[in-house]
């Protein structure tokens, strides 16, 4: 990976981690899908000029938008309402092995045996996280977060397989289709949106602005640009940088408690994903002996 892409790939999860923590106060006031719709609107407005250059068929964009848009965001934010941000962000790391496994049938990237072992270890770590915090997290919200990771991973793999556009054009198209899907889902599945908008104070709006601007618009503009030129198995492991950022900010800004046993579960997840992305060293063949 070129140094520039390496730097950007490292920056994106840091932006996601910060945006994830900033979203916690926002979903405490606004409904989850409404928060997601603000994100889609921000991305669509910012990248609107790129929409004229889109080449990917509309139905493919719609499928990707549904997966990474209202399905992923709605399930994630709904789970975040009842989970500490530090626990939720660790559960999100399931997206790494899930993405690599989905890349096998969809992209022809067959996982190595070591990667399969790492997947098992990572999911074992997730089970440790679910059972070890001082206050056991509700199983329902935890499962919502895990399902949201599968939707997100599937959307990224399909975007890599189907996309024929530039990164900004891909992001603009996804946001454009995700916005009406998210609004429709919010109208049918949520209530109190008008009262939330009317009664929001400065803290809620600042939290929403940070979540949208940092964790979605800026992060995904960079991510989709990387996705157009880097393989899934090289790019998605960088999401492992999210936990330390989110956990640190969750403790510092949200007064969340993160105990040692939950940390141990997180380390098991990281170890499992490290096995997924570990590649054996390539040893150069010895030069043929002169005859």
Protein backbone atom coordinates (compact mmCIF):
# COMPACT_ATOMS: atom_id res chain seq x y z
CA UNK A 1 0.00 0.00 0.00
CA UNK A 2 1.47 3.41 -0.92
CA UNK A 3 2.44 5.64 2.05
CA UNK A 4 -0.36 8.10 1.26
CA UNK A 5 -3.02 5.37 1.30
CA UNK A 6 -1.47 3.89 4.43
CA UNK A 7 -1.83 7.24 6.19
CA UNK A 8 -5.42 7.72 5.02
CA UNK A 9 -6.37 4.14 5.93
CA UNK A 10 -5.05 4.79 9.44
CA UNK A 11 -6.87 8.11 9.70
CA UNK A 12 -10.33 6.84 8.72
CA UNK A 13 -10.84 4.53 11.76
CA UNK A 14 -9.68 7.34 14.02
CA UNK A 15 -12.42 9.55 12.58
CA UNK A 16 -14.94 6.72 12.93
CA UNK A 17 -13.91 6.15 16.53
CA UNK A 18 -14.31 9.82 17.41
CA UNK A 19 -17.62 10.04 15.55
CA UNK A 20 -18.86 6.90 17.28
CA UNK A 21 -18.35 8.42 20.71
CA UNK A 22 -19.84 11.74 19.59
CA UNK A 23 -22.93 9.85 18.40
CA UNK A 24 -23.69 8.54 21.89
CA UNK A 25 -25.21 11.83 23.20
CA UNK A 26 -26.91 12.44 19.84
CA UNK A 27 -28.84 9.14 19.89
CA UNK A 28 -29.85 9.93 23.45
CA UNK A 29 -31.93 12.83 22.09
CA UNK A 30 -32.63 12.15 18.41
CA UNK A 31 -33.98 8.85 17.12
CA UNK A 32 -31.29 6.56 15.64
CA UNK A 33 -32.49 6.62 12.03
CA UNK A 34 -32.94 10.39 12.16
CA UNK A 35 -29.28 10.71 13.15
CA UNK A 36 -28.35 8.51 10.21
CA UNK A 37 -30.46 10.63 7.83
CA UNK A 38 -28.58 13.77 8.86
CA UNK A 39 -25.38 11.92 7.93
CA UNK A 40 -26.69 10.93 4.49
CA UNK A 41 -27.92 14.47 3.82
CA UNK A 42 -24.54 15.94 4.76
CA UNK A 43 -22.69 13.55 2.45
CA UNK A 44 -25.11 14.05 -0.46
CA UNK A 45 -24.92 17.84 -0.22
CA UNK A 46 -21.15 17.93 0.06
CA UNK A 47 -20.53 15.58 -2.86
CA UNK A 48 -23.52 16.53 -5.05
CA UNK A 49 -21.32 17.68 -7.99
CA UNK A 50 -19.90 14.15 -8.22
CA UNK A 51 -23.31 12.63 -8.92
CA UNK A 52 -23.12 13.62 -12.60
CA UNK A 53 -20.20 11.25 -13.11
CA UNK A 54 -21.75 8.07 -11.73
CA UNK A 55 -21.62 4.96 -13.92
CA UNK A 56 -22.70 2.14 -11.57
CA UNK A 57 -26.29 0.92 -12.25
CA UNK A 58 -28.84 2.46 -9.92
CA UNK A 59 -30.09 -0.86 -8.52
CA UNK A 60 -26.61 -1.84 -7.38
CA UNK A 61 -26.19 1.49 -5.63
CA UNK A 62 -29.59 0.96 -4.00
CA UNK A 63 -28.60 -2.47 -2.61
CA UNK A 64 -25.33 -1.13 -1.21
CA UNK A 65 -27.07 1.95 0.21
CA UNK A 66 -29.68 -0.19 1.99
CA UNK A 67 -26.98 -2.37 3.59
CA UNK A 68 -24.54 0.34 4.70
CA UNK A 69 -27.28 2.92 5.22
CA UNK A 70 -30.50 2.39 7.22
CA UNK A 71 -29.90 -1.30 7.96
CA UNK A 72 -26.41 -0.79 9.35
CA UNK A 73 -26.94 2.61 10.94
CA UNK A 74 -30.40 1.89 12.30
CA UNK A 75 -29.34 -1.35 13.98
CA UNK A 76 -26.08 0.15 15.23
CA UNK A 77 -27.59 3.28 16.74
CA UNK A 78 -30.46 1.30 18.24
CA UNK A 79 -27.97 -0.96 19.96
CA UNK A 80 -25.85 2.00 21.03
CA UNK A 81 -28.82 3.43 22.93
CA UNK A 82 -28.45 0.64 25.54
CA UNK A 83 -24.76 -0.25 25.27
CA UNK A 84 -21.65 1.59 26.45
CA UNK A 85 -19.76 2.99 23.46
CA UNK A 86 -16.62 1.09 24.56
CA UNK A 87 -18.42 -2.30 24.43
CA UNK A 88 -20.26 -1.53 21.19
CA UNK A 89 -17.09 -0.52 19.36
CA UNK A 90 -15.43 -3.79 20.33
CA UNK A 91 -18.41 -5.76 19.03
CA UNK A 92 -18.08 -3.86 15.77
CA UNK A 93 -14.71 -5.51 15.14
CA UNK A 94 -16.64 -8.56 13.94
CA UNK A 95 -16.86 -6.67 10.64
CA UNK A 96 -13.24 -7.63 9.87
CA UNK A 97 -13.60 -11.44 9.76
CA UNK A 98 -17.13 -11.14 8.33
CA UNK A 99 -15.87 -8.91 5.52
CA UNK A 100 -13.00 -11.24 4.71
CA UNK A 101 -15.28 -14.28 4.65
CA UNK A 102 -17.79 -12.53 2.38
CA UNK A 103 -14.98 -11.51 0.04
CA UNK A 104 -14.41 -15.21 -0.72
CA UNK A 105 -17.62 -15.92 -2.70
CA UNK A 106 -18.15 -12.35 -3.90
CA UNK A 107 -14.63 -11.30 -4.86
CA UNK A 108 -12.85 -14.63 -5.20
CA UNK A 109 -10.47 -13.79 -2.32
CA UNK A 110 -10.20 -17.18 -0.62
CA UNK A 111 -9.30 -16.88 3.09
CA UNK A 112 -6.25 -18.75 4.30
CA UNK A 113 -6.50 -21.38 7.10
CA UNK A 114 -4.82 -18.93 9.47
CA UNK A 115 -7.52 -16.38 8.65
CA UNK A 116 -10.25 -18.90 9.45
CA UNK A 117 -8.58 -19.64 12.78
CA UNK A 118 -8.44 -15.92 13.48
CA UNK A 119 -12.14 -15.62 12.75
CA UNK A 120 -12.94 -18.24 15.38
CA UNK A 121 -10.68 -16.51 17.91
CA UNK A 122 -12.25 -13.11 17.17
CA UNK A 123 -15.77 -14.39 17.75
CA UNK A 124 -14.60 -16.08 20.96
CA UNK A 125 -13.39 -12.68 22.10
CA UNK A 126 -16.80 -11.22 21.32
CA UNK A 127 -18.39 -13.84 23.58
CA UNK A 128 -15.96 -12.83 26.33
CA UNK A 129 -16.96 -9.18 25.91
CA UNK A 130 -20.64 -10.06 26.18
CA UNK A 131 -20.12 -11.93 29.42
CA UNK A 132 -17.52 -9.99 31.30
CA UNK A 133 -18.37 -6.29 31.88
CA UNK A 134 -19.30 -5.41 35.46
CA UNK A 135 -22.87 -4.91 34.24
CA UNK A 136 -23.74 -7.56 31.66
CA UNK A 137 -24.80 -5.76 28.47
CA UNK A 138 -28.30 -6.58 27.21
CA UNK A 139 -28.15 -9.43 24.71
CA UNK A 140 -30.69 -7.84 22.34
CA UNK A 141 -28.76 -4.58 21.73
CA UNK A 142 -25.51 -6.54 21.43
CA UNK A 143 -27.02 -8.74 18.72
CA UNK A 144 -28.29 -5.65 16.90
CA UNK A 145 -24.74 -4.29 16.77
CA UNK A 146 -23.40 -7.63 15.50
CA UNK A 147 -26.04 -7.83 12.74
CA UNK A 148 -25.25 -4.24 11.78
CA UNK A 149 -21.59 -5.20 11.30
CA UNK A 150 -22.61 -7.99 8.91
CA UNK A 151 -24.71 -5.54 6.87
CA UNK A 152 -21.83 -3.06 6.72
CA UNK A 153 -19.27 -5.68 5.72
CA UNK A 154 -21.56 -7.05 2.99
CA UNK A 155 -22.07 -3.53 1.63
CA UNK A 156 -18.33 -2.84 1.49
CA UNK A 157 -17.61 -6.09 -0.35
CA UNK A 158 -20.40 -5.41 -2.87
CA UNK A 159 -19.14 -1.86 -3.36
CA UNK A 160 -15.69 -3.22 -4.10
CA UNK A 161 -17.13 -5.81 -6.51
CA UNK A 162 -19.65 -3.61 -8.34
CA UNK A 163 -18.30 -0.07 -8.26
CA UNK A 164 -17.16 1.62 -11.46
CA UNK A 165 -17.09 5.17 -10.09
CA UNK A 166 -14.60 7.33 -8.23
CA UNK A 167 -14.63 7.26 -4.44
CA UNK A 168 -16.48 10.60 -4.03
CA UNK A 169 -19.05 9.61 -6.69
CA UNK A 170 -19.62 6.28 -4.93
CA UNK A 171 -20.10 8.01 -1.57
CA UNK A 172 -22.48 10.57 -3.07
CA UNK A 173 -24.56 7.87 -4.77
CA UNK A 174 -24.82 5.77 -1.62
CA UNK A 175 -25.85 8.79 0.45
CA UNK A 176 -28.40 9.89 -2.16
CA UNK A 177 -30.16 6.50 -2.10
CA UNK A 178 -29.75 5.94 1.63
CA UNK A 179 -31.44 9.24 2.52
CA UNK A 180 -34.99 8.40 1.30
CA UNK A 181 -34.64 4.83 2.59
CA UNK A 182 -33.62 6.17 6.00
CA UNK A 183 -36.40 8.76 6.08
CA UNK A 184 -39.02 6.15 5.18
CA UNK A 185 -37.73 3.77 7.84
CA UNK A 186 -37.70 6.56 10.43
CA UNK A 187 -41.29 7.56 9.64
CA UNK A 188 -42.57 3.98 9.91
CA UNK A 189 -40.46 2.70 12.79
CA UNK A 190 -39.81 5.74 14.98
CA UNK A 191 -41.79 8.57 16.49
CA UNK A 192 -41.20 11.89 18.21
CA UNK A 193 -38.85 13.23 15.52
CA UNK A 194 -40.56 16.64 15.41
CA UNK A 195 -40.47 17.05 19.16
CA UNK A 196 -36.82 16.01 19.24
CA UNK A 197 -35.90 18.59 16.60
CA UNK A 198 -37.89 21.35 18.31
CA UNK A 199 -36.57 20.58 21.78
CA UNK A 200 -32.91 19.99 20.94
CA UNK A 201 -30.46 22.15 22.80
CA UNK A 202 -26.91 23.13 21.96
CA UNK A 203 -25.31 19.92 23.36
CA UNK A 204 -27.53 17.70 21.20
CA UNK A 205 -26.87 19.74 18.05
CA UNK A 206 -23.12 19.86 18.70
CA UNK A 207 -23.05 16.09 19.25
CA UNK A 208 -25.01 15.55 16.04
CA UNK A 209 -22.75 17.90 14.06
CA UNK A 210 -19.64 16.11 15.29
CA UNK A 211 -21.09 12.68 14.54
CA UNK A 212 -22.16 13.70 11.02
CA UNK A 213 -19.15 15.80 10.05
CA UNK A 214 -16.34 13.75 11.58
CA UNK A 215 -17.67 10.21 11.80
CA UNK A 216 -19.55 10.08 8.52
CA UNK A 217 -18.92 12.78 5.89
CA UNK A 218 -15.16 13.15 6.29
CA UNK A 219 -14.48 9.52 7.22
CA UNK A 220 -16.52 7.98 4.40
CA UNK A 221 -15.29 10.41 1.77
CA UNK A 222 -11.80 9.09 2.49
CA UNK A 223 -12.91 5.47 2.91
CA UNK A 224 -14.71 5.17 -0.42
CA UNK A 225 -11.75 6.71 -2.20
CA UNK A 226 -9.54 4.01 -0.67
CA UNK A 227 -12.06 1.29 -1.48
CA UNK A 228 -11.83 2.04 -5.20
CA UNK A 229 -8.11 1.23 -5.29
CA UNK A 230 -7.35 -1.18 -2.41
CA UNK A 231 -8.36 -4.80 -1.81
CA UNK A 232 -10.79 -5.58 1.01
CA UNK A 233 -8.28 -7.84 2.78
CA UNK A 234 -5.74 -5.00 2.83
CA UNK A 235 -8.12 -2.22 3.81
CA UNK A 236 -10.69 -3.56 6.26
CA UNK A 237 -8.18 -4.63 8.97
CA UNK A 238 -7.45 -0.94 9.58
CA UNK A 239 -10.80 -0.75 11.39
CA UNK A 240 -8.96 -2.35 14.32
CA UNK A 241 -7.71 1.14 15.14
CA UNK A 242 -11.23 2.12 16.25
CA UNK A 243 -11.29 0.47 19.70
CA UNK A 244 -8.47 2.39 21.42
CA UNK A 245 -9.84 5.72 20.19
CA UNK A 246 -13.46 4.99 21.11
CA UNK A 247 -12.65 3.39 24.43
CA UNK A 248 -10.35 6.24 25.48
CA UNK A 249 -12.85 8.93 24.45
CA UNK A 250 -15.74 7.01 26.01
CA UNK A 251 -13.93 6.91 29.34
CA UNK A 252 -12.70 10.52 29.15
CA UNK A 253 -15.79 12.23 27.74
CA UNK A 254 -18.72 9.99 28.70
CA UNK A 255 -17.50 8.73 32.10
CA UNK A 256 -17.87 5.13 30.96
CA UNK A 257 -16.29 2.37 33.04
CA UNK A 258 -14.16 -0.14 31.20
CA UNK A 259 -12.98 -2.98 33.44
CA UNK A 260 -10.05 -5.36 33.00
CA UNK A 261 -12.11 -8.37 31.99
CA UNK A 262 -13.77 -6.45 29.15
CA UNK A 263 -10.30 -5.30 28.13
CA UNK A 264 -9.19 -8.94 28.04
CA UNK A 265 -12.08 -9.78 25.70
CA UNK A 266 -11.09 -6.89 23.47
CA UNK A 267 -7.52 -8.15 23.33
CA UNK A 268 -8.79 -11.59 22.26
CA UNK A 269 -10.74 -9.93 19.43
CA UNK A 270 -7.67 -7.99 18.34
CA UNK A 271 -5.55 -11.16 18.50
CA UNK A 272 -8.08 -13.03 16.35
CA UNK A 273 -8.16 -10.30 13.73
CA UNK A 274 -4.37 -10.13 13.79
CA UNK A 275 -4.39 -13.79 12.76
CA UNK A 276 -6.84 -12.92 9.99
CA UNK A 277 -4.55 -10.31 8.47
CA UNK A 278 -1.22 -11.99 9.24
CA UNK A 279 0.67 -13.01 6.18
CA UNK A 280 3.69 -15.32 6.16
CA UNK A 281 6.92 -13.70 5.12
CA UNK A 282 7.87 -14.21 1.51
CA UNK A 283 11.32 -15.75 1.28
CA UNK A 284 13.17 -15.16 -1.96
CA UNK A 285 14.26 -18.30 -3.76
CA UNK A 286 18.03 -18.81 -3.77
CA UNK A 287 19.75 -17.97 -6.98
CA UNK A 288 20.55 -20.94 -9.14
CA UNK A 289 24.12 -22.15 -8.74
CA UNK A 290 26.37 -21.28 -11.63
CA UNK A 291 27.14 -24.31 -13.78
